[in-house]
């Protein structure tokens, strides 16, 4: 496009130059003085126009050069952006892969969810083993207390009171500030009660009333204490 425009401008300049020479007297030397004067004026006008066209040609060429440089710069920027996008995609894929394969297995959250799914499906033996593995690998996880509590639940549901009590005690020992702490204490007290260990059960119920006086479990604990004391 640039070459075509320059070619056209050059042709116009050639034609104007030819007319300028012709009108200046080189072709018509016998013209009158008035005719010569008019011709000189026209020649001056043509020369001015030629100069204007020349200036326009130079300006157009400069604009085209500037536009070309801008396009080259934009092309370079686009290539840089494409490279950055590819790098970001690669980083994201690596992060996702790392999350999915932590410790050569699934992520902690998915491991816990898998164990809880089996617990909900009443696969208590399988769920217990999965919670145990999860807890061994993630003792500081935000799901650790829940995992320990459900390990006790796996035994409690099967009426294996002593094993349940052993697991609930670990909740009180290691996760006493957790959301399942009061539930675990209540189940511990009930486990002792089912084992016929009323004195220990009553002590656990009393600790619930003391530590969590406003909880629903505290109301149940008070009733249990009253029943174990023959209604007193």
Protein backbone atom coordinates (compact mmCIF):
# COMPACT_ATOMS: atom_id res chain seq x y z
CA UNK A 1 0.00 0.00 0.00
CA UNK A 2 2.80 2.35 0.89
CA UNK A 3 4.61 1.66 -2.41
CA UNK A 4 1.45 2.31 -4.46
CA UNK A 5 0.83 5.69 -2.81
CA UNK A 6 4.42 6.76 -3.34
CA UNK A 7 4.24 5.71 -7.02
CA UNK A 8 1.11 7.78 -7.59
CA UNK A 9 2.66 10.85 -5.97
CA UNK A 10 5.79 10.52 -8.10
CA UNK A 11 3.70 10.39 -11.32
CA UNK A 12 1.80 13.53 -10.31
CA UNK A 13 5.07 15.32 -9.54
CA UNK A 14 6.47 14.36 -12.95
CA UNK A 15 3.39 15.70 -14.76
CA UNK A 16 3.48 18.98 -12.81
CA UNK A 17 7.18 19.43 -13.45
CA UNK A 18 6.66 18.89 -17.17
CA UNK A 19 3.88 21.48 -17.26
CA UNK A 20 6.05 23.87 -15.28
CA UNK A 21 8.88 23.61 -17.82
CA UNK A 22 6.53 23.93 -20.76
CA UNK A 23 4.85 27.02 -19.37
CA UNK A 24 8.12 28.68 -18.44
CA UNK A 25 8.92 29.27 -22.14
CA UNK A 26 11.09 26.35 -23.08
CA UNK A 27 8.45 24.95 -25.41
CA UNK A 28 6.77 28.24 -26.48
CA UNK A 29 9.62 30.84 -26.74
CA UNK A 30 7.70 33.23 -29.05
CA UNK A 31 4.84 33.97 -26.61
CA UNK A 32 3.96 37.62 -25.80
CA UNK A 33 5.10 39.41 -22.65
CA UNK A 34 1.63 39.17 -21.10
CA UNK A 35 1.49 35.56 -22.00
CA UNK A 36 4.93 35.06 -20.52
CA UNK A 37 3.92 36.90 -17.36
CA UNK A 38 0.80 34.77 -17.01
CA UNK A 39 2.81 31.71 -17.72
CA UNK A 40 5.34 32.66 -15.04
CA UNK A 41 2.53 33.15 -12.52
CA UNK A 42 1.05 29.83 -13.41
CA UNK A 43 4.48 28.28 -13.22
CA UNK A 44 4.98 29.72 -9.72
CA UNK A 45 1.61 28.38 -8.67
CA UNK A 46 2.48 24.99 -10.11
CA UNK A 47 5.81 25.01 -8.33
CA UNK A 48 4.05 25.88 -5.09
CA UNK A 49 1.62 23.04 -5.66
CA UNK A 50 4.51 20.72 -6.48
CA UNK A 51 6.20 21.71 -3.21
CA UNK A 52 2.95 21.18 -1.32
CA UNK A 53 2.52 17.75 -2.87
CA UNK A 54 6.12 16.96 -2.04
CA UNK A 55 5.54 17.98 1.56
CA UNK A 56 2.34 15.94 1.68
CA UNK A 57 4.19 12.98 0.23
CA UNK A 58 6.90 13.27 2.89
CA UNK A 59 4.30 13.65 5.65
CA UNK A 60 2.35 10.63 4.39
CA UNK A 61 5.51 8.56 4.23
CA UNK A 62 6.39 9.63 7.78
CA UNK A 63 2.90 8.69 9.02
CA UNK A 64 3.12 5.31 7.33
CA UNK A 65 6.51 4.68 8.90
CA UNK A 66 5.14 5.64 12.31
CA UNK A 67 2.10 3.38 11.85
CA UNK A 68 4.35 0.51 10.80
CA UNK A 69 6.52 0.98 13.88
CA UNK A 70 3.42 1.01 16.09
CA UNK A 71 2.17 -2.20 14.48
CA UNK A 72 5.54 -3.84 15.03
CA UNK A 73 5.46 -2.74 18.69
CA UNK A 74 1.90 -4.05 19.14
CA UNK A 75 2.89 -7.37 17.55
CA UNK A 76 5.80 -7.66 19.97
CA UNK A 77 3.54 -6.87 22.94
CA UNK A 78 1.01 -9.48 21.83
CA UNK A 79 3.73 -12.12 21.63
CA UNK A 80 4.90 -11.21 25.15
CA UNK A 81 1.34 -11.45 26.50
CA UNK A 82 0.83 -14.83 24.86
CA UNK A 83 4.02 -16.06 26.45
CA UNK A 84 2.89 -14.82 29.89
CA UNK A 85 -0.50 -16.54 29.48
CA UNK A 86 1.19 -19.83 28.65
CA UNK A 87 3.44 -19.51 31.70
CA UNK A 88 0.45 -18.78 33.96
CA UNK A 89 -1.46 -21.78 32.60
CA UNK A 90 1.52 -24.00 33.26
CA UNK A 91 1.83 -22.68 36.83
CA UNK A 92 -1.87 -23.26 37.51
CA UNK A 93 -1.68 -26.81 36.16
CA UNK A 94 1.33 -27.55 38.34
CA UNK A 95 -0.45 -26.19 41.46
CA UNK A 96 -3.57 -28.23 40.74
CA UNK A 97 -1.48 -31.33 40.18
CA UNK A 98 0.36 -30.78 43.47
CA UNK A 99 -2.91 -30.39 45.41
CA UNK A 100 -4.33 -33.57 43.91
CA UNK A 101 -1.24 -35.63 44.57
CA UNK A 102 -0.08 -34.46 47.99
CA UNK A 103 1.94 -37.22 49.70
CA UNK A 104 1.46 -39.28 46.57
CA UNK A 105 -2.27 -39.54 47.21
CA UNK A 106 -5.36 -37.35 47.32
CA UNK A 107 -5.52 -34.03 49.17
CA UNK A 108 -6.31 -33.94 52.93
CA UNK A 109 -9.80 -32.57 52.34
CA UNK A 110 -10.72 -35.24 49.81
CA UNK A 111 -9.29 -37.95 52.11
CA UNK A 112 -11.47 -36.76 54.97
CA UNK A 113 -14.53 -36.51 52.73
CA UNK A 114 -13.95 -40.04 51.48
CA UNK A 115 -13.81 -41.37 55.04
CA UNK A 116 -16.94 -39.45 56.03
CA UNK A 117 -18.78 -40.73 52.96
CA UNK A 118 -18.04 -44.32 54.01
CA UNK A 119 -19.15 -43.51 57.56
CA UNK A 120 -22.45 -42.12 56.25
CA UNK A 121 -22.84 -45.28 54.18
CA UNK A 122 -22.52 -47.30 57.45
CA UNK A 123 -19.19 -48.79 56.39
CA UNK A 124 -17.88 -48.25 59.90
CA UNK A 125 -14.82 -50.51 59.81
CA UNK A 126 -13.63 -49.00 56.54
CA UNK A 127 -14.40 -45.46 57.70
CA UNK A 128 -12.50 -46.01 60.95
CA UNK A 129 -9.37 -47.10 59.07
CA UNK A 130 -9.66 -44.13 56.70
CA UNK A 131 -10.10 -41.64 59.56
CA UNK A 132 -7.11 -43.20 61.29
CA UNK A 133 -4.88 -42.84 58.20
CA UNK A 134 -6.09 -39.27 57.68
CA UNK A 135 -5.32 -38.34 61.30
CA UNK A 136 -1.86 -39.90 61.16
CA UNK A 137 -0.98 -37.80 58.10
CA UNK A 138 -2.78 -34.61 59.10
CA UNK A 139 -2.75 -34.25 62.91
CA UNK A 140 -2.96 -30.43 62.69
CA UNK A 141 -5.71 -30.31 60.08
CA UNK A 142 -8.90 -28.36 60.81
CA UNK A 143 -10.68 -31.71 60.31
CA UNK A 144 -8.48 -33.60 62.77
CA UNK A 145 -10.83 -33.23 65.75
CA UNK A 146 -13.81 -34.37 63.68
CA UNK A 147 -11.87 -37.38 62.41
CA UNK A 148 -11.02 -38.39 65.99
CA UNK A 149 -14.63 -37.94 67.07
CA UNK A 150 -15.97 -40.10 64.24
CA UNK A 151 -13.46 -42.79 65.08
CA UNK A 152 -15.23 -42.99 68.44
CA UNK A 153 -18.60 -42.94 66.69
CA UNK A 154 -17.63 -45.97 64.59
CA UNK A 155 -17.36 -48.00 67.80
CA UNK A 156 -20.23 -46.32 69.65
CA UNK A 157 -22.72 -47.18 66.90
CA UNK A 158 -21.60 -50.81 67.04
CA UNK A 159 -22.03 -50.73 70.86
CA UNK A 160 -18.36 -51.35 71.44
CA UNK A 161 -18.37 -49.01 74.43
CA UNK A 162 -14.80 -49.42 75.69
CA UNK A 163 -13.22 -48.85 72.28
CA UNK A 164 -15.53 -45.86 71.79
CA UNK A 165 -14.51 -44.42 75.16
CA UNK A 166 -10.84 -44.77 74.30
CA UNK A 167 -11.34 -42.70 71.13
CA UNK A 168 -13.52 -40.04 72.80
CA UNK A 169 -10.90 -39.51 75.50
CA UNK A 170 -8.41 -38.55 72.77
CA UNK A 171 -10.73 -35.79 71.60
CA UNK A 172 -10.86 -34.30 75.11
CA UNK A 173 -7.10 -34.68 75.46
CA UNK A 174 -5.95 -33.34 72.09
CA UNK A 175 -8.82 -31.20 70.80
CA UNK A 176 -10.57 -29.81 73.89
CA UNK A 177 -11.22 -26.46 72.14
CA UNK A 178 -12.83 -27.98 69.06
CA UNK A 179 -16.48 -27.83 68.06
CA UNK A 180 -16.95 -31.54 68.77
CA UNK A 181 -15.37 -31.43 72.25
CA UNK A 182 -18.68 -31.24 74.17
CA UNK A 183 -20.33 -33.91 71.99
CA UNK A 184 -17.37 -36.18 72.55
CA UNK A 185 -17.56 -35.72 76.33
CA UNK A 186 -21.26 -36.60 76.33
CA UNK A 187 -20.60 -39.77 74.32
CA UNK A 188 -17.72 -40.61 76.67
CA UNK A 189 -20.04 -40.31 79.67
CA UNK A 190 -22.67 -42.46 77.96
CA UNK A 191 -20.05 -45.08 77.08
CA UNK A 192 -19.00 -45.29 80.74
CA UNK A 193 -22.64 -45.52 81.73
CA UNK A 194 -23.27 -48.43 79.36
CA UNK A 195 -20.19 -50.14 80.78
CA UNK A 196 -21.71 -49.82 84.26
CA UNK A 197 -19.05 -47.34 85.39
CA UNK A 198 -21.53 -44.81 86.80
CA UNK A 199 -19.06 -42.98 88.99
CA UNK A 200 -16.80 -42.18 86.04
CA UNK A 201 -19.82 -41.35 83.89
CA UNK A 202 -21.11 -38.91 86.50
CA UNK A 203 -17.70 -37.19 86.69
CA UNK A 204 -17.70 -36.71 82.91
CA UNK A 205 -21.26 -35.32 82.98
CA UNK A 206 -20.26 -32.89 85.72
CA UNK A 207 -17.33 -31.65 83.63
CA UNK A 208 -19.75 -30.92 80.77
CA UNK A 209 -21.92 -28.78 83.04
CA UNK A 210 -18.84 -26.94 84.26
CA UNK A 211 -17.08 -26.40 80.91
CA UNK A 212 -20.13 -25.92 78.68
CA UNK A 213 -22.97 -24.69 80.92
CA UNK A 214 -25.00 -23.12 78.07
CA UNK A 215 -24.82 -26.08 75.71
CA UNK A 216 -27.69 -28.50 74.96
CA UNK A 217 -25.38 -31.30 76.11
CA UNK A 218 -25.24 -29.68 79.55
CA UNK A 219 -29.00 -30.20 79.98
CA UNK A 220 -28.63 -33.90 79.14
CA UNK A 221 -25.66 -34.15 81.50
CA UNK A 222 -27.68 -32.65 84.38
CA UNK A 223 -30.44 -35.19 83.85
CA UNK A 224 -27.90 -38.00 83.82
CA UNK A 225 -26.29 -36.75 87.03
CA UNK A 226 -29.70 -36.60 88.69
CA UNK A 227 -30.59 -40.10 87.52
CA UNK A 228 -27.25 -41.52 88.70
CA UNK A 229 -27.82 -39.92 92.10
CA UNK A 230 -31.24 -41.58 92.41
CA UNK A 231 -33.15 -38.43 91.50
CA UNK A 232 -31.34 -36.15 93.92
